[in-house]
Each structure stands twice: as C-alpha cells, then as structure tokens.
C-alpha cells in the first residue's frame, strides 16, 4: 500500500471511530427510548449514521484499491482510537491495559503491512 492509500485508510478508521463517539452521544440524548421521534430526530444519531455511510463508501473504495489482507488490519486501530476519543471528548476513564493493548495492535498492524 502506498502512502496515499494508507492515509485514506487511516482517515476511514478515524471516521468510524468518531462515529462511535457520535453514537454514544446519541444514546445519551435519547430521553425516551420508546418514543420513535426521539430516535428519528436525534441529531447525534443522524450525524453518526451519515458519517458511517460516508466511511462505508470510502472503505469500499479502499478495498477496490488495496488487498484485504493489508487494508483490514488497520480497522484494529479503532480499538485504540475509540477509547482515546472517549477519554478526550466524553471524559471517560482510560486504563493502562487499553493503551498496552493498543500498542500491541499497532505492532500487529506494522507487522502485517510489511512487504514480504
């Protein structure tokens, strides 16, 4: 994978990760889960779905231009990015084990994307 394709792939993963933060915000914004209007008119949920829609289209483009065995490991970055964004944006706690696991995921991505 060239630098441009890697950049687009990482951007896609960041978009998906931001979508998770928006989904969390949407969940907190739903005052009455039995009321369909609280779901349909939830701006956070609409934003999350739109972001997921765009990132899905970008992901399909990535898969058209990169082998799956190289592109897919990048999705593992979300396991590190989402908790970090949760900590930064939502003030959720983050544990050292999450960071250590994220470091292992980064090492795995680096390993799987190396040329043979």
N, C-alpha and C. Protein backbone atom coordinates (compact mmCIF):
# COMPACT_ATOMS: atom_id res chain seq x y z
N UNK A 1 0.85 -1.18 0.00
CA UNK A 1 0.00 0.00 0.00
C UNK A 1 0.89 1.24 0.00
N UNK A 2 0.53 2.19 -0.83
CA UNK A 2 1.30 3.42 -0.88
C UNK A 2 0.82 4.39 0.21
N UNK A 3 1.56 5.47 0.39
CA UNK A 3 1.28 6.42 1.45
C UNK A 3 -0.13 7.00 1.34
N UNK A 4 -0.56 7.33 0.12
CA UNK A 4 -1.89 7.90 -0.08
C UNK A 4 -2.97 6.93 0.38
N UNK A 5 -2.85 5.68 -0.02
CA UNK A 5 -3.85 4.68 0.34
C UNK A 5 -3.86 4.41 1.85
N UNK A 6 -2.68 4.39 2.44
CA UNK A 6 -2.60 4.23 3.89
C UNK A 6 -3.26 5.42 4.59
N UNK A 7 -3.04 6.62 4.09
CA UNK A 7 -3.63 7.83 4.67
C UNK A 7 -5.16 7.79 4.60
N UNK A 8 -5.68 7.39 3.46
CA UNK A 8 -7.13 7.29 3.29
C UNK A 8 -7.69 6.21 4.23
N UNK A 9 -6.98 5.10 4.35
CA UNK A 9 -7.43 4.01 5.21
C UNK A 9 -7.46 4.44 6.67
N UNK A 10 -6.42 5.11 7.12
CA UNK A 10 -6.38 5.61 8.50
C UNK A 10 -7.48 6.65 8.71
N UNK A 11 -7.70 7.52 7.73
CA UNK A 11 -8.78 8.51 7.83
C UNK A 11 -10.14 7.83 7.95
N UNK A 12 -10.32 6.76 7.22
CA UNK A 12 -11.57 5.99 7.29
C UNK A 12 -11.77 5.42 8.69
N UNK A 13 -10.72 4.87 9.26
CA UNK A 13 -10.80 4.30 10.61
C UNK A 13 -11.08 5.41 11.63
N UNK A 14 -10.48 6.56 11.46
CA UNK A 14 -10.75 7.69 12.35
C UNK A 14 -12.21 8.11 12.22
N UNK A 15 -12.73 8.14 10.99
CA UNK A 15 -14.14 8.48 10.78
C UNK A 15 -15.07 7.49 11.47
N UNK A 16 -14.76 6.21 11.36
CA UNK A 16 -15.57 5.19 12.03
C UNK A 16 -15.48 5.35 13.55
N UNK A 17 -14.30 5.69 14.04
CA UNK A 17 -14.12 5.89 15.47
C UNK A 17 -14.92 7.10 15.96
N UNK A 18 -14.89 8.18 15.19
CA UNK A 18 -15.69 9.35 15.54
C UNK A 18 -17.18 9.01 15.51
N UNK A 19 -17.57 8.14 14.59
CA UNK A 19 -18.95 7.68 14.53
C UNK A 19 -19.37 7.01 15.83
N UNK A 20 -18.46 6.25 16.43
CA UNK A 20 -18.77 5.61 17.71
C UNK A 20 -19.02 6.64 18.81
N UNK A 21 -18.25 7.71 18.79
CA UNK A 21 -18.45 8.79 19.77
C UNK A 21 -19.82 9.44 19.55
N UNK A 22 -20.17 9.64 18.27
CA UNK A 22 -21.48 10.22 17.97
C UNK A 22 -22.60 9.28 18.39
N UNK A 23 -22.42 7.97 18.20
CA UNK A 23 -23.43 7.01 18.65
C UNK A 23 -23.61 7.08 20.17
N UNK A 24 -22.52 7.23 20.89
CA UNK A 24 -22.58 7.34 22.35
C UNK A 24 -23.34 8.60 22.75
N UNK A 25 -23.03 9.71 22.07
CA UNK A 25 -23.76 10.96 22.33
C UNK A 25 -25.24 10.79 22.00
N UNK A 26 -25.53 10.10 20.91
CA UNK A 26 -26.93 9.86 20.53
C UNK A 26 -27.65 9.07 21.60
N UNK A 27 -26.98 8.05 22.13
CA UNK A 27 -27.60 7.22 23.16
C UNK A 27 -27.96 8.04 24.39
N UNK A 28 -27.09 8.97 24.76
CA UNK A 28 -27.36 9.81 25.93
C UNK A 28 -28.43 10.86 25.64
N UNK A 29 -28.61 11.20 24.38
CA UNK A 29 -29.58 12.24 24.02
C UNK A 29 -31.00 11.70 23.89
N UNK A 30 -31.16 10.40 23.87
CA UNK A 30 -32.49 9.80 23.75
C UNK A 30 -33.13 9.78 25.14
N UNK A 31 -34.07 10.69 25.34
CA UNK A 31 -34.72 10.80 26.65
C UNK A 31 -35.70 9.66 26.89
N UNK A 32 -36.42 9.28 25.85
CA UNK A 32 -37.43 8.22 25.97
C UNK A 32 -37.23 7.25 24.82
N UNK A 33 -36.60 6.11 25.09
CA UNK A 33 -36.28 5.14 24.04
C UNK A 33 -37.51 4.53 23.41
N UNK A 34 -38.66 4.60 24.06
CA UNK A 34 -39.87 4.04 23.48
C UNK A 34 -40.56 5.01 22.51
N UNK A 35 -40.08 6.23 22.47
CA UNK A 35 -40.67 7.25 21.60
C UNK A 35 -39.85 7.33 20.31
N UNK A 36 -40.41 6.95 19.19
CA UNK A 36 -39.67 6.89 17.93
C UNK A 36 -39.16 8.25 17.49
N UNK A 37 -39.84 9.32 17.87
CA UNK A 37 -39.38 10.66 17.48
C UNK A 37 -38.03 10.99 18.10
N UNK A 38 -37.78 10.47 19.30
CA UNK A 38 -36.50 10.73 19.96
C UNK A 38 -35.36 10.05 19.21
N UNK A 39 -35.67 9.01 18.47
CA UNK A 39 -34.66 8.32 17.65
C UNK A 39 -34.50 9.01 16.29
N UNK A 40 -35.62 9.24 15.64
CA UNK A 40 -35.60 9.77 14.26
C UNK A 40 -35.07 11.19 14.20
N UNK A 41 -35.38 12.00 15.19
CA UNK A 41 -34.97 13.40 15.17
C UNK A 41 -33.75 13.68 16.06
N UNK A 42 -32.99 12.66 16.34
CA UNK A 42 -31.79 12.78 17.16
C UNK A 42 -30.63 13.19 16.25
N UNK A 43 -30.19 14.43 16.38
CA UNK A 43 -29.11 14.95 15.53
C UNK A 43 -27.82 14.17 15.64
N UNK A 44 -27.50 13.72 16.86
CA UNK A 44 -26.28 12.92 17.06
C UNK A 44 -26.37 11.61 16.27
N UNK A 45 -27.54 10.98 16.32
CA UNK A 45 -27.72 9.72 15.61
C UNK A 45 -27.68 9.93 14.09
N UNK A 46 -28.31 10.98 13.63
CA UNK A 46 -28.28 11.29 12.19
C UNK A 46 -26.85 11.53 11.74
N UNK A 47 -26.10 12.29 12.53
CA UNK A 47 -24.69 12.55 12.20
C UNK A 47 -23.86 11.28 12.18
N UNK A 48 -24.08 10.42 13.17
CA UNK A 48 -23.34 9.15 13.24
C UNK A 48 -23.65 8.28 12.03
N UNK A 49 -24.92 8.17 11.68
CA UNK A 49 -25.30 7.34 10.53
C UNK A 49 -24.74 7.91 9.23
N UNK A 50 -24.77 9.24 9.10
CA UNK A 50 -24.21 9.87 7.90
C UNK A 50 -22.71 9.61 7.81
N UNK A 51 -22.02 9.77 8.92
CA UNK A 51 -20.57 9.53 8.94
C UNK A 51 -20.26 8.07 8.61
N UNK A 52 -21.03 7.15 9.18
CA UNK A 52 -20.84 5.73 8.87
C UNK A 52 -21.12 5.45 7.40
N UNK A 53 -22.13 6.11 6.84
CA UNK A 53 -22.43 5.93 5.42
C UNK A 53 -21.27 6.37 4.54
N UNK A 54 -20.72 7.53 4.83
CA UNK A 54 -19.60 8.05 4.05
C UNK A 54 -18.38 7.16 4.21
N UNK A 55 -18.07 6.77 5.45
CA UNK A 55 -16.89 5.94 5.67
C UNK A 55 -17.06 4.55 5.05
N UNK A 56 -18.28 4.06 4.97
CA UNK A 56 -18.51 2.78 4.30
C UNK A 56 -18.20 2.90 2.82
N UNK A 57 -18.62 3.98 2.20
CA UNK A 57 -18.31 4.19 0.78
C UNK A 57 -16.81 4.32 0.56
N UNK A 58 -16.13 5.04 1.45
CA UNK A 58 -14.68 5.17 1.35
C UNK A 58 -14.02 3.81 1.54
N UNK A 59 -14.53 3.01 2.48
CA UNK A 59 -13.98 1.68 2.72
C UNK A 59 -14.10 0.79 1.47
N UNK A 60 -15.22 0.87 0.80
CA UNK A 60 -15.40 0.10 -0.44
C UNK A 60 -14.37 0.55 -1.47
N UNK A 61 -14.12 1.85 -1.55
CA UNK A 61 -13.10 2.34 -2.49
C UNK A 61 -11.72 1.81 -2.09
N UNK A 62 -11.44 1.80 -0.80
CA UNK A 62 -10.16 1.27 -0.32
C UNK A 62 -10.01 -0.19 -0.73
N UNK A 63 -11.06 -0.97 -0.52
CA UNK A 63 -11.00 -2.40 -0.86
C UNK A 63 -10.85 -2.63 -2.36
N UNK A 64 -11.30 -1.68 -3.14
CA UNK A 64 -11.12 -1.77 -4.59
C UNK A 64 -9.66 -1.55 -4.97
N UNK A 65 -8.93 -0.83 -4.12
CA UNK A 65 -7.56 -0.43 -4.46
C UNK A 65 -6.47 -1.08 -3.60
N UNK A 66 -6.86 -1.86 -2.62
CA UNK A 66 -5.86 -2.48 -1.73
C UNK A 66 -6.29 -3.91 -1.42
N UNK A 67 -5.34 -4.79 -1.25
CA UNK A 67 -5.68 -6.15 -0.84
C UNK A 67 -6.28 -6.14 0.57
N UNK A 68 -7.27 -6.97 0.77
CA UNK A 68 -7.96 -7.04 2.05
C UNK A 68 -7.00 -7.39 3.19
N UNK A 69 -6.04 -8.27 2.91
CA UNK A 69 -5.12 -8.68 3.98
C UNK A 69 -4.21 -7.54 4.44
N UNK A 70 -4.10 -6.48 3.63
CA UNK A 70 -3.32 -5.31 4.04
C UNK A 70 -4.21 -4.21 4.62
N UNK A 71 -5.40 -4.04 4.05
CA UNK A 71 -6.27 -2.95 4.49
C UNK A 71 -6.97 -3.26 5.81
N UNK A 72 -7.45 -4.48 5.96
CA UNK A 72 -8.29 -4.79 7.12
C UNK A 72 -7.59 -4.66 8.47
N UNK A 73 -6.33 -5.01 8.61
CA UNK A 73 -5.70 -4.82 9.93
C UNK A 73 -5.77 -3.39 10.46
N UNK A 74 -5.87 -2.42 9.57
CA UNK A 74 -5.98 -1.03 10.02
C UNK A 74 -7.25 -0.79 10.84
N UNK A 75 -8.28 -1.60 10.61
CA UNK A 75 -9.51 -1.47 11.40
C UNK A 75 -9.24 -1.71 12.88
N UNK A 76 -8.18 -2.44 13.18
CA UNK A 76 -7.81 -2.67 14.57
C UNK A 76 -7.44 -1.38 15.29
N UNK A 77 -7.07 -0.36 14.55
CA UNK A 77 -6.76 0.94 15.17
C UNK A 77 -7.94 1.50 15.95
N UNK A 78 -9.14 1.14 15.52
CA UNK A 78 -10.34 1.64 16.21
C UNK A 78 -10.37 1.20 17.67
N UNK A 79 -9.77 0.04 17.98
CA UNK A 79 -9.74 -0.44 19.36
C UNK A 79 -8.88 0.46 20.25
N UNK A 80 -8.03 1.26 19.66
CA UNK A 80 -7.24 2.24 20.41
C UNK A 80 -7.82 3.64 20.28
N UNK A 81 -8.25 3.98 19.08
CA UNK A 81 -8.75 5.34 18.83
C UNK A 81 -10.04 5.62 19.59
N UNK A 82 -10.98 4.67 19.59
CA UNK A 82 -12.27 4.92 20.25
C UNK A 82 -12.11 5.18 21.75
N UNK A 83 -11.38 4.35 22.50
CA UNK A 83 -11.21 4.67 23.93
C UNK A 83 -10.49 6.00 24.16
N UNK A 84 -9.52 6.32 23.30
CA UNK A 84 -8.81 7.59 23.46
C UNK A 84 -9.75 8.77 23.19
N UNK A 85 -10.59 8.66 22.17
CA UNK A 85 -11.57 9.71 21.90
C UNK A 85 -12.61 9.79 23.02
N UNK A 86 -13.00 8.64 23.55
CA UNK A 86 -13.92 8.62 24.68
C UNK A 86 -13.35 9.35 25.88
N UNK A 87 -12.06 9.17 26.09
CA UNK A 87 -11.38 9.86 27.18
C UNK A 87 -11.30 11.37 26.91
N UNK A 88 -10.91 11.74 25.68
CA UNK A 88 -10.75 13.15 25.34
C UNK A 88 -12.07 13.91 25.24
N UNK A 89 -13.05 13.29 24.60
CA UNK A 89 -14.29 14.01 24.28
C UNK A 89 -15.37 13.76 25.33
N UNK A 90 -15.49 12.54 25.80
CA UNK A 90 -16.58 12.18 26.71
C UNK A 90 -16.15 12.11 28.17
N UNK A 91 -14.87 12.36 28.41
CA UNK A 91 -14.33 12.32 29.77
C UNK A 91 -14.50 10.94 30.42
N UNK A 92 -14.41 9.90 29.60
CA UNK A 92 -14.49 8.53 30.12
C UNK A 92 -13.11 8.10 30.59
N UNK A 93 -13.05 7.24 31.58
CA UNK A 93 -11.74 6.78 32.05
C UNK A 93 -11.06 5.89 31.02
N UNK A 94 -9.75 5.92 31.02
CA UNK A 94 -8.98 5.04 30.14
C UNK A 94 -7.96 4.30 31.02
N UNK A 95 -7.82 3.01 30.77
CA UNK A 95 -6.93 2.20 31.60
C UNK A 95 -5.62 1.96 30.86
N UNK A 96 -4.60 1.69 31.63
CA UNK A 96 -3.28 1.43 31.02
C UNK A 96 -3.35 0.17 30.17
N UNK A 97 -4.22 -0.78 30.53
CA UNK A 97 -4.33 -2.01 29.75
C UNK A 97 -4.87 -1.74 28.35
N UNK A 98 -5.73 -0.73 28.24
CA UNK A 98 -6.24 -0.34 26.92
C UNK A 98 -5.10 0.20 26.06
N UNK A 99 -4.26 1.03 26.67
CA UNK A 99 -3.13 1.59 25.94
C UNK A 99 -2.11 0.51 25.58
N UNK A 100 -1.88 -0.41 26.49
CA UNK A 100 -0.94 -1.51 26.22
C UNK A 100 -1.48 -2.40 25.10
N UNK A 101 -2.76 -2.70 25.15
CA UNK A 101 -3.37 -3.49 24.08
C UNK A 101 -3.31 -2.76 22.75
N UNK A 102 -3.52 -1.44 22.80
CA UNK A 102 -3.42 -0.62 21.59
C UNK A 102 -2.02 -0.65 21.00
N UNK A 103 -1.03 -0.64 21.87
CA UNK A 103 0.36 -0.72 21.39
C UNK A 103 0.61 -2.05 20.69
N UNK A 104 0.04 -3.11 21.24
CA UNK A 104 0.18 -4.43 20.59
C UNK A 104 -0.54 -4.46 19.24
N UNK A 105 -1.69 -3.81 19.18
CA UNK A 105 -2.41 -3.73 17.90
C UNK A 105 -1.58 -2.95 16.88
N UNK A 106 -0.99 -1.83 17.31
CA UNK A 106 -0.13 -1.05 16.41
C UNK A 106 1.03 -1.90 15.90
N UNK A 107 1.62 -2.67 16.78
CA UNK A 107 2.73 -3.55 16.38
C UNK A 107 2.23 -4.59 15.37
N UNK A 108 1.06 -5.12 15.59
CA UNK A 108 0.49 -6.09 14.66
C UNK A 108 0.21 -5.49 13.30
N UNK A 109 -0.29 -4.27 13.27
CA UNK A 109 -0.55 -3.60 12.00
C UNK A 109 0.77 -3.36 11.27
N UNK A 110 1.76 -2.89 12.00
CA UNK A 110 3.07 -2.66 11.38
C UNK A 110 3.63 -3.96 10.81
N UNK A 111 3.45 -5.03 11.54
CA UNK A 111 3.96 -6.33 11.09
C UNK A 111 3.22 -6.83 9.84
N UNK A 112 1.89 -6.71 9.85
CA UNK A 112 1.13 -7.25 8.72
C UNK A 112 1.25 -6.42 7.45
N UNK A 113 1.62 -5.16 7.57
CA UNK A 113 1.73 -4.33 6.37
C UNK A 113 3.13 -4.28 5.78
N UNK A 114 4.05 -5.04 6.36
CA UNK A 114 5.41 -5.08 5.84
C UNK A 114 5.45 -5.87 4.53
N UNK A 115 6.28 -5.44 3.63
CA UNK A 115 6.46 -6.14 2.36
C UNK A 115 7.16 -7.48 2.65
N UNK A 116 6.81 -8.51 1.88
CA UNK A 116 7.42 -9.83 2.12
C UNK A 116 8.91 -9.86 1.85
